[in-house]
All heavy atoms as atom14 arrays in JSON, in Angstrom:
{
  "sequence": "DWVQKVAPGFDQRNFMGMNGSDYGGGTPVAVVWRKDAGLAVGHVET",
  "atom14_mask": [
    [1, 1, 1, 1, 1, 1, 1, 1, 0, 0, 0, 0, 0, 0],
    [1, 1, 1, 1, 1, 1, 1, 1, 1, 1, 1, 1, 1, 1],
    [1, 1, 1, 1, 1, 1, 1, 0, 0, 0, 0, 0, 0, 0],
    [1, 1, 1, 1, 1, 1, 1, 1, 1, 0, 0, 0, 0, 0],
    [1, 1, 1, 1, 1, 1, 1, 1, 1, 0, 0, 0, 0, 0],
    [1, 1, 1, 1, 1, 1, 1, 0, 0, 0, 0, 0, 0, 0],
    [1, 1, 1, 1, 1, 0, 0, 0, 0, 0, 0, 0, 0, 0],
    [1, 1, 1, 1, 1, 1, 1, 0, 0, 0, 0, 0, 0, 0],
    [1, 1, 1, 1, 0, 0, 0, 0, 0, 0, 0, 0, 0, 0],
    [1, 1, 1, 1, 1, 1, 1, 1, 1, 1, 1, 0, 0, 0],
    [1, 1, 1, 1, 1, 1, 1, 1, 0, 0, 0, 0, 0, 0],
    [1, 1, 1, 1, 1, 1, 1, 1, 1, 0, 0, 0, 0, 0],
    [1, 1, 1, 1, 1, 1, 1, 1, 1, 1, 1, 0, 0, 0],
    [1, 1, 1, 1, 1, 1, 1, 1, 0, 0, 0, 0, 0, 0],
    [1, 1, 1, 1, 1, 1, 1, 1, 1, 1, 1, 0, 0, 0],
    [1, 1, 1, 1, 1, 1, 1, 1, 0, 0, 0, 0, 0, 0],
    [1, 1, 1, 1, 0, 0, 0, 0, 0, 0, 0, 0, 0, 0],
    [1, 1, 1, 1, 1, 1, 1, 1, 0, 0, 0, 0, 0, 0],
    [1, 1, 1, 1, 1, 1, 1, 1, 0, 0, 0, 0, 0, 0],
    [1, 1, 1, 1, 0, 0, 0, 0, 0, 0, 0, 0, 0, 0],
    [1, 1, 1, 1, 1, 1, 0, 0, 0, 0, 0, 0, 0, 0],
    [1, 1, 1, 1, 1, 1, 1, 1, 0, 0, 0, 0, 0, 0],
    [1, 1, 1, 1, 1, 1, 1, 1, 1, 1, 1, 1, 0, 0],
    [1, 1, 1, 1, 0, 0, 0, 0, 0, 0, 0, 0, 0, 0],
    [1, 1, 1, 1, 0, 0, 0, 0, 0, 0, 0, 0, 0, 0],
    [1, 1, 1, 1, 0, 0, 0, 0, 0, 0, 0, 0, 0, 0],
    [1, 1, 1, 1, 1, 1, 1, 0, 0, 0, 0, 0, 0, 0],
    [1, 1, 1, 1, 1, 1, 1, 0, 0, 0, 0, 0, 0, 0],
    [1, 1, 1, 1, 1, 1, 1, 0, 0, 0, 0, 0, 0, 0],
    [1, 1, 1, 1, 1, 0, 0, 0, 0, 0, 0, 0, 0, 0],
    [1, 1, 1, 1, 1, 1, 1, 0, 0, 0, 0, 0, 0, 0],
    [1, 1, 1, 1, 1, 1, 1, 0, 0, 0, 0, 0, 0, 0],
    [1, 1, 1, 1, 1, 1, 1, 1, 1, 1, 1, 1, 1, 1],
    [1, 1, 1, 1, 1, 1, 1, 1, 1, 1, 1, 0, 0, 0],
    [1, 1, 1, 1, 1, 1, 1, 1, 1, 0, 0, 0, 0, 0],
    [1, 1, 1, 1, 1, 1, 1, 1, 0, 0, 0, 0, 0, 0],
    [1, 1, 1, 1, 1, 0, 0, 0, 0, 0, 0, 0, 0, 0],
    [1, 1, 1, 1, 0, 0, 0, 0, 0, 0, 0, 0, 0, 0],
    [1, 1, 1, 1, 1, 1, 1, 1, 0, 0, 0, 0, 0, 0],
    [1, 1, 1, 1, 1, 0, 0, 0, 0, 0, 0, 0, 0, 0],
    [1, 1, 1, 1, 1, 1, 1, 0, 0, 0, 0, 0, 0, 0],
    [1, 1, 1, 1, 0, 0, 0, 0, 0, 0, 0, 0, 0, 0],
    [1, 1, 1, 1, 1, 1, 1, 1, 1, 1, 0, 0, 0, 0],
    [1, 1, 1, 1, 1, 1, 1, 0, 0, 0, 0, 0, 0, 0],
    [1, 1, 1, 1, 1, 1, 1, 1, 1, 0, 0, 0, 0, 0],
    [1, 1, 1, 1, 1, 1, 1, 0, 0, 0, 0, 0, 0, 0]
  ],
  "atom14_positions": [
    [[-24.09, -0.99, 10.8], [-24.04, -2.23, 9.96], [-22.61, -2.65, 9.77], [-21.7, -1.83, 9.57], [-24.66, -1.99, 8.59], [-26.17, -1.74, 8.65], [-26.78, -2.06, 9.69], [-26.67, -1.22, 7.65], [0.0, 0.0, 0.0], [0.0, 0.0, 0.0], [0.0, 0.0, 0.0], [0.0, 0.0, 0.0], [0.0, 0.0, 0.0], [0.0, 0.0, 0.0]],
    [[-22.38, -3.92, 9.83], [-21.08, -4.47, 9.53], [-20.77, -4.4, 8.05], [-19.6, -4.25, 7.63], [-20.94, -5.92, 9.99], [-21.16, -6.2, 11.41], [-21.43, -5.23, 12.39], [-21.25, -7.46, 12.09], [-21.64, -5.87, 13.59], [-21.53, -7.22, 13.42], [-21.08, -8.77, 11.63], [-21.69, -8.25, 14.35], [-21.23, -9.83, 12.5], [-21.5, -9.56, 13.86]],
    [[-21.83, -4.52, 7.24], [-21.66, -4.46, 5.75], [-22.35, -3.17, 5.28], [-23.51, -2.96, 5.56], [-22.34, -5.7, 5.12], [-22.29, -5.59, 3.57], [-21.66, -7.0, 5.54], [0.0, 0.0, 0.0], [0.0, 0.0, 0.0], [0.0, 0.0, 0.0], [0.0, 0.0, 0.0], [0.0, 0.0, 0.0], [0.0, 0.0, 0.0], [0.0, 0.0, 0.0]],
    [[-21.58, -2.34, 4.58], [-22.03, -1.03, 4.19], [-21.65, -0.72, 2.76], [-20.57, -1.17, 2.31], [-21.52, 0.1, 5.04], [-21.85, -0.08, 6.54], [-21.2, 1.07, 7.33], [-21.65, 2.21, 7.22], [-20.2, 0.74, 8.13], [0.0, 0.0, 0.0], [0.0, 0.0, 0.0], [0.0, 0.0, 0.0], [0.0, 0.0, 0.0], [0.0, 0.0, 0.0]],
    [[-22.44, 0.03, 2.04], [-22.01, 0.55, 0.74], [-21.07, 1.71, 0.92], [-21.18, 2.5, 1.81], [-23.24, 1.02, -0.06], [-22.99, 1.35, -1.51], [-24.26, 1.6, -2.33], [-23.94, 1.97, -3.77], [-23.18, 0.87, -4.47], [0.0, 0.0, 0.0], [0.0, 0.0, 0.0], [0.0, 0.0, 0.0], [0.0, 0.0, 0.0], [0.0, 0.0, 0.0]],
    [[-20.04, 1.72, 0.08], [-19.03, 2.81, 0.13], [-19.6, 4.01, -0.6], [-19.53, 4.05, -1.84], [-17.67, 2.38, -0.4], [-16.67, 3.48, -0.33], [-17.17, 1.14, 0.36], [0.0, 0.0, 0.0], [0.0, 0.0, 0.0], [0.0, 0.0, 0.0], [0.0, 0.0, 0.0], [0.0, 0.0, 0.0], [0.0, 0.0, 0.0], [0.0, 0.0, 0.0]],
    [[-20.15, 4.95, 0.13], [-20.64, 6.18, -0.47], [-19.54, 7.22, -0.55], [-18.56, 7.19, 0.1], [-21.83, 6.68, 0.31], [0.0, 0.0, 0.0], [0.0, 0.0, 0.0], [0.0, 0.0, 0.0], [0.0, 0.0, 0.0], [0.0, 0.0, 0.0], [0.0, 0.0, 0.0], [0.0, 0.0, 0.0], [0.0, 0.0, 0.0], [0.0, 0.0, 0.0]],
    [[-19.8, 8.3, -1.39], [-18.78, 9.41, -1.36], [-18.56, 9.96, 0.01], [-19.55, 10.17, 0.75], [-19.44, 10.37, -2.35], [-20.34, 9.61, -3.25], [-20.84, 8.47, -2.39], [0.0, 0.0, 0.0], [0.0, 0.0, 0.0], [0.0, 0.0, 0.0], [0.0, 0.0, 0.0], [0.0, 0.0, 0.0], [0.0, 0.0, 0.0], [0.0, 0.0, 0.0]],
    [[-17.36, 10.12, 0.37], [-17.0, 10.65, 1.69], [-16.91, 9.56, 2.8], [-16.61, 9.87, 3.93], [0.0, 0.0, 0.0], [0.0, 0.0, 0.0], [0.0, 0.0, 0.0], [0.0, 0.0, 0.0], [0.0, 0.0, 0.0], [0.0, 0.0, 0.0], [0.0, 0.0, 0.0], [0.0, 0.0, 0.0], [0.0, 0.0, 0.0], [0.0, 0.0, 0.0]],
    [[-17.22, 8.33, 2.44], [-17.13, 7.23, 3.37], [-15.77, 7.17, 3.96], [-14.73, 7.12, 3.24], [-17.49, 5.94, 2.74], [-17.54, 4.74, 3.67], [-18.72, 4.38, 4.29], [-16.43, 3.99, 3.86], [-18.78, 3.31, 5.17], [-16.44, 2.94, 4.77], [-17.61, 2.51, 5.36], [0.0, 0.0, 0.0], [0.0, 0.0, 0.0], [0.0, 0.0, 0.0]],
    [[-15.65, 7.11, 5.31], [-14.36, 7.06, 5.93], [-14.52, 6.44, 7.35], [-15.12, 7.04, 8.21], [-13.74, 8.48, 6.08], [-12.29, 8.48, 6.55], [-11.8, 7.37, 6.91], [-11.66, 9.5, 6.51], [0.0, 0.0, 0.0], [0.0, 0.0, 0.0], [0.0, 0.0, 0.0], [0.0, 0.0, 0.0], [0.0, 0.0, 0.0], [0.0, 0.0, 0.0]],
    [[-14.07, 5.28, 7.5], [-14.23, 4.49, 8.79], [-12.84, 3.98, 9.18], [-12.22, 3.2, 8.5], [-15.24, 3.37, 8.63], [-15.71, 2.8, 9.88], [-16.98, 1.97, 9.69], [-18.01, 2.54, 9.36], [-16.92, 0.72, 9.93], [0.0, 0.0, 0.0], [0.0, 0.0, 0.0], [0.0, 0.0, 0.0], [0.0, 0.0, 0.0], [0.0, 0.0, 0.0]],
    [[-12.44, 4.4, 10.39], [-11.06, 4.03, 10.87], [-10.96, 2.55, 11.17], [-9.94, 2.0, 11.01], [-10.72, 4.93, 12.08], [-9.35, 4.65, 12.62], [-9.14, 5.35, 13.96], [-7.84, 5.08, 14.53], [-7.55, 5.21, 15.83], [-8.54, 5.52, 16.71], [-6.38, 4.9, 16.3], [0.0, 0.0, 0.0], [0.0, 0.0, 0.0], [0.0, 0.0, 0.0]],
    [[-11.98, 1.98, 11.82], [-12.01, 0.6, 12.17], [-10.89, 0.22, 13.12], [-10.16, -0.72, 12.96], [-11.92, -0.31, 10.91], [-13.15, -0.1, 9.99], [-14.27, 0.08, 10.46], [-12.93, -0.11, 8.76], [0.0, 0.0, 0.0], [0.0, 0.0, 0.0], [0.0, 0.0, 0.0], [0.0, 0.0, 0.0], [0.0, 0.0, 0.0], [0.0, 0.0, 0.0]],
    [[-10.83, 0.99, 14.21], [-9.85, 0.76, 15.28], [-10.3, -0.5, 16.02], [-11.47, -0.62, 16.4], [-9.72, 1.94, 16.23], [-8.83, 1.74, 17.36], [-7.49, 1.33, 17.13], [-9.23, 2.05, 18.66], [-6.59, 1.18, 18.23], [-8.36, 1.9, 19.73], [-7.08, 1.48, 19.5], [0.0, 0.0, 0.0], [0.0, 0.0, 0.0], [0.0, 0.0, 0.0]],
    [[-9.41, -1.4, 16.24], [-9.74, -2.64, 16.94], [-9.79, -2.55, 18.44], [-10.16, -3.53, 19.15], [-8.75, -3.77, 16.55], [-8.97, -4.23, 15.1], [-10.52, -5.1, 14.86], [-11.37, -3.93, 13.8], [0.0, 0.0, 0.0], [0.0, 0.0, 0.0], [0.0, 0.0, 0.0], [0.0, 0.0, 0.0], [0.0, 0.0, 0.0], [0.0, 0.0, 0.0]],
    [[-9.34, -1.41, 18.98], [-9.49, -1.15, 20.4], [-10.83, -0.61, 20.74], [-11.85, -0.92, 20.11], [0.0, 0.0, 0.0], [0.0, 0.0, 0.0], [0.0, 0.0, 0.0], [0.0, 0.0, 0.0], [0.0, 0.0, 0.0], [0.0, 0.0, 0.0], [0.0, 0.0, 0.0], [0.0, 0.0, 0.0], [0.0, 0.0, 0.0], [0.0, 0.0, 0.0]],
    [[-10.85, 0.24, 21.81], [-12.15, 0.79, 22.27], [-12.53, 2.04, 21.48], [-11.79, 3.01, 21.38], [-12.05, 1.16, 23.74], [-11.7, -0.03, 24.65], [-12.74, -1.48, 24.44], [-14.35, -0.87, 25.02], [0.0, 0.0, 0.0], [0.0, 0.0, 0.0], [0.0, 0.0, 0.0], [0.0, 0.0, 0.0], [0.0, 0.0, 0.0], [0.0, 0.0, 0.0]],
    [[-13.71, 1.97, 20.88], [-14.28, 3.13, 20.18], [-15.41, 3.83, 20.98], [-16.15, 4.68, 20.5], [-14.81, 2.71, 18.82], [-13.68, 2.23, 17.89], [-12.73, 3.05, 17.7], [-13.77, 1.07, 17.39], [0.0, 0.0, 0.0], [0.0, 0.0, 0.0], [0.0, 0.0, 0.0], [0.0, 0.0, 0.0], [0.0, 0.0, 0.0], [0.0, 0.0, 0.0]],
    [[-15.5, 3.44, 22.23], [-16.43, 3.94, 23.18], [-16.0, 3.38, 24.53], [-15.21, 2.5, 24.58], [0.0, 0.0, 0.0], [0.0, 0.0, 0.0], [0.0, 0.0, 0.0], [0.0, 0.0, 0.0], [0.0, 0.0, 0.0], [0.0, 0.0, 0.0], [0.0, 0.0, 0.0], [0.0, 0.0, 0.0], [0.0, 0.0, 0.0], [0.0, 0.0, 0.0]],
    [[-16.64, 3.84, 25.64], [-16.24, 3.32, 26.91], [-16.47, 1.82, 27.02], [-15.72, 1.1, 27.76], [-17.04, 4.04, 28.05], [-18.43, 3.73, 27.95], [0.0, 0.0, 0.0], [0.0, 0.0, 0.0], [0.0, 0.0, 0.0], [0.0, 0.0, 0.0], [0.0, 0.0, 0.0], [0.0, 0.0, 0.0], [0.0, 0.0, 0.0], [0.0, 0.0, 0.0]],
    [[-17.49, 1.33, 26.33], [-17.79, -0.11, 26.41], [-18.09, -0.73, 25.05], [-18.73, -1.8, 25.0], [-18.94, -0.39, 27.39], [-20.14, 0.51, 27.13], [-20.06, 1.37, 26.31], [-21.19, 0.4, 27.81], [0.0, 0.0, 0.0], [0.0, 0.0, 0.0], [0.0, 0.0, 0.0], [0.0, 0.0, 0.0], [0.0, 0.0, 0.0], [0.0, 0.0, 0.0]],
    [[-17.63, -0.12, 24.02], [-17.76, -0.61, 22.62], [-16.32, -0.74, 22.05], [-15.68, 0.23, 21.89], [-18.64, 0.16, 21.76], [-20.1, 0.05, 22.04], [-20.69, 0.91, 23.02], [-20.89, -0.83, 21.33], [-22.03, 0.81, 23.29], [-22.23, -0.91, 21.58], [-22.82, -0.13, 22.59], [-24.15, -0.25, 22.86], [0.0, 0.0, 0.0], [0.0, 0.0, 0.0]],
    [[-15.9, -1.97, 21.75], [-14.57, -2.12, 21.17], [-14.37, -3.58, 20.78], [-15.23, -4.43, 20.91], [0.0, 0.0, 0.0], [0.0, 0.0, 0.0], [0.0, 0.0, 0.0], [0.0, 0.0, 0.0], [0.0, 0.0, 0.0], [0.0, 0.0, 0.0], [0.0, 0.0, 0.0], [0.0, 0.0, 0.0], [0.0, 0.0, 0.0], [0.0, 0.0, 0.0]],
    [[-13.12, -3.84, 20.31], [-12.82, -5.18, 19.86], [-13.51, -5.49, 18.55], [-14.23, -4.67, 18.01], [0.0, 0.0, 0.0], [0.0, 0.0, 0.0], [0.0, 0.0, 0.0], [0.0, 0.0, 0.0], [0.0, 0.0, 0.0], [0.0, 0.0, 0.0], [0.0, 0.0, 0.0], [0.0, 0.0, 0.0], [0.0, 0.0, 0.0], [0.0, 0.0, 0.0]],
    [[-13.29, -6.66, 17.99], [-13.92, -7.06, 16.74], [-13.12, -8.11, 16.05], [-12.23, -8.77, 16.62], [0.0, 0.0, 0.0], [0.0, 0.0, 0.0], [0.0, 0.0, 0.0], [0.0, 0.0, 0.0], [0.0, 0.0, 0.0], [0.0, 0.0, 0.0], [0.0, 0.0, 0.0], [0.0, 0.0, 0.0], [0.0, 0.0, 0.0], [0.0, 0.0, 0.0]],
    [[-13.41, -8.24, 14.78], [-12.66, -9.17, 13.92], [-11.67, -8.34, 13.08], [-12.09, -7.39, 12.36], [-13.63, -9.92, 12.97], [-14.45, -10.8, 13.76], [-12.89, -10.74, 11.97], [0.0, 0.0, 0.0], [0.0, 0.0, 0.0], [0.0, 0.0, 0.0], [0.0, 0.0, 0.0], [0.0, 0.0, 0.0], [0.0, 0.0, 0.0], [0.0, 0.0, 0.0]],
    [[-10.38, -8.61, 13.15], [-9.37, -7.76, 12.55], [-9.24, -8.0, 11.02], [-8.16, -8.32, 10.51], [-8.05, -8.13, 13.27], [-8.31, -9.56, 13.64], [-9.74, -9.7, 13.95], [0.0, 0.0, 0.0], [0.0, 0.0, 0.0], [0.0, 0.0, 0.0], [0.0, 0.0, 0.0], [0.0, 0.0, 0.0], [0.0, 0.0, 0.0], [0.0, 0.0, 0.0]],
    [[-10.33, -7.76, 10.32], [-10.39, -7.9, 8.85], [-11.25, -6.77, 8.25], [-12.22, -6.45, 8.85], [-10.95, -9.29, 8.49], [-11.01, -9.4, 6.94], [-10.2, -10.43, 9.04], [0.0, 0.0, 0.0], [0.0, 0.0, 0.0], [0.0, 0.0, 0.0], [0.0, 0.0, 0.0], [0.0, 0.0, 0.0], [0.0, 0.0, 0.0], [0.0, 0.0, 0.0]],
    [[-10.79, -6.25, 7.21], [-11.61, -5.34, 6.41], [-11.65, -5.8, 4.97], [-10.66, -6.38, 4.46], [-11.08, -3.89, 6.47], [0.0, 0.0, 0.0], [0.0, 0.0, 0.0], [0.0, 0.0, 0.0], [0.0, 0.0, 0.0], [0.0, 0.0, 0.0], [0.0, 0.0, 0.0], [0.0, 0.0, 0.0], [0.0, 0.0, 0.0], [0.0, 0.0, 0.0]],
    [[-12.79, -5.6, 4.34], [-13.01, -6.06, 2.93], [-13.67, -4.99, 2.16], [-14.58, -4.36, 2.66], [-13.86, -7.31, 2.85], [-13.9, -7.89, 1.44], [-13.32, -8.41, 3.83], [0.0, 0.0, 0.0], [0.0, 0.0, 0.0], [0.0, 0.0, 0.0], [0.0, 0.0, 0.0], [0.0, 0.0, 0.0], [0.0, 0.0, 0.0], [0.0, 0.0, 0.0]],
    [[-13.18, -4.72, 0.95], [-13.88, -3.78, 0.07], [-13.93, -4.5, -1.3], [-12.97, -5.15, -1.73], [-13.15, -2.42, -0.01], [-11.71, -2.57, -0.5], [-13.91, -1.46, -0.94], [0.0, 0.0, 0.0], [0.0, 0.0, 0.0], [0.0, 0.0, 0.0], [0.0, 0.0, 0.0], [0.0, 0.0, 0.0], [0.0, 0.0, 0.0], [0.0, 0.0, 0.0]],
    [[-15.11, -4.44, -1.93], [-15.29, -5.14, -3.15], [-16.11, -4.41, -4.16], [-17.01, -3.66, -3.78], [-15.84, -6.56, -2.92], [-17.23, -6.66, -2.48], [-18.34, -6.86, -3.26], [-17.76, -6.63, -1.09], [-19.51, -6.91, -2.52], [-19.14, -6.76, -1.2], [-17.13, -6.46, 0.14], [-19.96, -6.79, -0.01], [-17.9, -6.49, 1.27], [-19.3, -6.65, 1.19]],
    [[-15.76, -4.65, -5.4], [-16.55, -4.13, -6.6], [-17.36, -5.29, -7.06], [-17.3, -6.45, -6.51], [-15.67, -3.63, -7.67], [-14.57, -2.69, -7.23], [-13.72, -2.2, -8.4], [-13.23, -3.23, -9.28], [-12.08, -3.09, -9.97], [-11.35, -2.03, -9.91], [-11.75, -4.04, -10.83], [0.0, 0.0, 0.0], [0.0, 0.0, 0.0], [0.0, 0.0, 0.0]],
    [[-18.11, -5.07, -8.12], [-18.94, -6.14, -8.7], [-18.06, -7.27, -9.25], [-18.51, -8.44, -9.22], [-19.8, -5.56, -9.81], [-21.09, -6.3, -10.15], [-21.93, -5.45, -11.05], [-23.32, -5.95, -11.06], [-24.21, -5.13, -11.91], [0.0, 0.0, 0.0], [0.0, 0.0, 0.0], [0.0, 0.0, 0.0], [0.0, 0.0, 0.0], [0.0, 0.0, 0.0]],
    [[-16.86, -6.95, -9.7], [-16.04, -7.92, -10.36], [-14.84, -8.45, -9.56], [-14.32, -9.45, -9.86], [-15.45, -7.31, -11.64], [-14.63, -6.11, -11.39], [-14.82, -5.45, -10.35], [-13.79, -5.74, -12.24], [0.0, 0.0, 0.0], [0.0, 0.0, 0.0], [0.0, 0.0, 0.0], [0.0, 0.0, 0.0], [0.0, 0.0, 0.0], [0.0, 0.0, 0.0]],
    [[-14.42, -7.74, -8.49], [-13.3, -8.13, -7.69], [-13.24, -7.34, -6.4], [-13.86, -6.26, -6.29], [-12.02, -7.96, -8.53], [0.0, 0.0, 0.0], [0.0, 0.0, 0.0], [0.0, 0.0, 0.0], [0.0, 0.0, 0.0], [0.0, 0.0, 0.0], [0.0, 0.0, 0.0], [0.0, 0.0, 0.0], [0.0, 0.0, 0.0], [0.0, 0.0, 0.0]],
    [[-12.45, -7.9, -5.46], [-12.34, -7.21, -4.18], [-10.99, -7.38, -3.56], [-10.15, -8.25, -3.99], [0.0, 0.0, 0.0], [0.0, 0.0, 0.0], [0.0, 0.0, 0.0], [0.0, 0.0, 0.0], [0.0, 0.0, 0.0], [0.0, 0.0, 0.0], [0.0, 0.0, 0.0], [0.0, 0.0, 0.0], [0.0, 0.0, 0.0], [0.0, 0.0, 0.0]],
    [[-10.7, -6.61, -2.47], [-9.49, -6.7, -1.69], [-9.87, -6.92, -0.27], [-10.84, -6.28, 0.27], [-8.65, -5.44, -1.8], [-7.9, -5.1, -3.05], [-7.2, -3.73, -2.86], [-6.87, -6.18, -3.38], [0.0, 0.0, 0.0], [0.0, 0.0, 0.0], [0.0, 0.0, 0.0], [0.0, 0.0, 0.0], [0.0, 0.0, 0.0], [0.0, 0.0, 0.0]],
    [[-9.14, -7.74, 0.44], [-9.33, -7.95, 1.89], [-7.96, -7.81, 2.56], [-6.96, -8.26, 1.99], [-9.91, -9.33, 2.15], [0.0, 0.0, 0.0], [0.0, 0.0, 0.0], [0.0, 0.0, 0.0], [0.0, 0.0, 0.0], [0.0, 0.0, 0.0], [0.0, 0.0, 0.0], [0.0, 0.0, 0.0], [0.0, 0.0, 0.0], [0.0, 0.0, 0.0]],
    [[-7.94, -7.17, 3.72], [-6.72, -7.01, 4.52], [-7.07, -7.31, 5.97], [-8.16, -7.02, 6.43], [-6.24, -5.58, 4.42], [-5.0, -5.38, 5.31], [-5.82, -5.23, 2.98], [0.0, 0.0, 0.0], [0.0, 0.0, 0.0], [0.0, 0.0, 0.0], [0.0, 0.0, 0.0], [0.0, 0.0, 0.0], [0.0, 0.0, 0.0], [0.0, 0.0, 0.0]],
    [[-6.14, -7.94, 6.71], [-6.35, -8.16, 8.09], [-5.02, -8.67, 8.74], [-3.98, -8.62, 8.09], [0.0, 0.0, 0.0], [0.0, 0.0, 0.0], [0.0, 0.0, 0.0], [0.0, 0.0, 0.0], [0.0, 0.0, 0.0], [0.0, 0.0, 0.0], [0.0, 0.0, 0.0], [0.0, 0.0, 0.0], [0.0, 0.0, 0.0], [0.0, 0.0, 0.0]],
    [[-5.07, -8.94, 10.0], [-3.91, -9.55, 10.62], [-4.25, -10.97, 11.14], [-5.42, -11.24, 11.43], [-3.31, -8.61, 11.75], [-3.98, -8.7, 13.04], [-3.95, -9.82, 13.88], [-4.68, -7.74, 13.74], [-4.57, -9.58, 15.03], [-5.07, -8.36, 14.96], [0.0, 0.0, 0.0], [0.0, 0.0, 0.0], [0.0, 0.0, 0.0], [0.0, 0.0, 0.0]],
    [[-3.26, -11.79, 11.31], [-3.49, -13.18, 11.63], [-2.76, -13.53, 12.93], [-2.4, -14.66, 13.2], [-3.02, -14.15, 10.57], [-3.89, -13.96, 9.27], [-1.54, -13.96, 10.16], [0.0, 0.0, 0.0], [0.0, 0.0, 0.0], [0.0, 0.0, 0.0], [0.0, 0.0, 0.0], [0.0, 0.0, 0.0], [0.0, 0.0, 0.0], [0.0, 0.0, 0.0]],
    [[-2.59, -12.54, 13.81], [-1.98, -12.74, 15.13], [-3.02, -13.56, 16.02], [-4.26, -13.37, 15.86], [-1.7, -11.44, 15.84], [-0.63, -10.59, 15.09], [0.74, -11.18, 15.16], [1.15, -11.79, 16.18], [1.46, -11.07, 14.16], [0.0, 0.0, 0.0], [0.0, 0.0, 0.0], [0.0, 0.0, 0.0], [0.0, 0.0, 0.0], [0.0, 0.0, 0.0]],
    [[-2.51, -14.38, 16.86], [-3.39, -15.23, 17.67], [-3.86, -14.54, 18.92], [-4.6, -15.13, 19.72], [-2.73, -16.47, 18.03], [-1.49, -16.28, 18.7], [-2.5, -17.39, 16.84], [0.0, 0.0, 0.0], [0.0, 0.0, 0.0], [0.0, 0.0, 0.0], [0.0, 0.0, 0.0], [0.0, 0.0, 0.0], [0.0, 0.0, 0.0], [0.0, 0.0, 0.0]]
  ]
}
């Protein structure tokens, strides 16, 4: 899933290159949010 609940022990590197021989790339943004507020980080290179 692209959208997941952050459970204890959750750890996802989110490498934008190849994470398998034919699975890779993506949208260079990560977001984490609580019920009241959240943080988003990404890059804006073209």
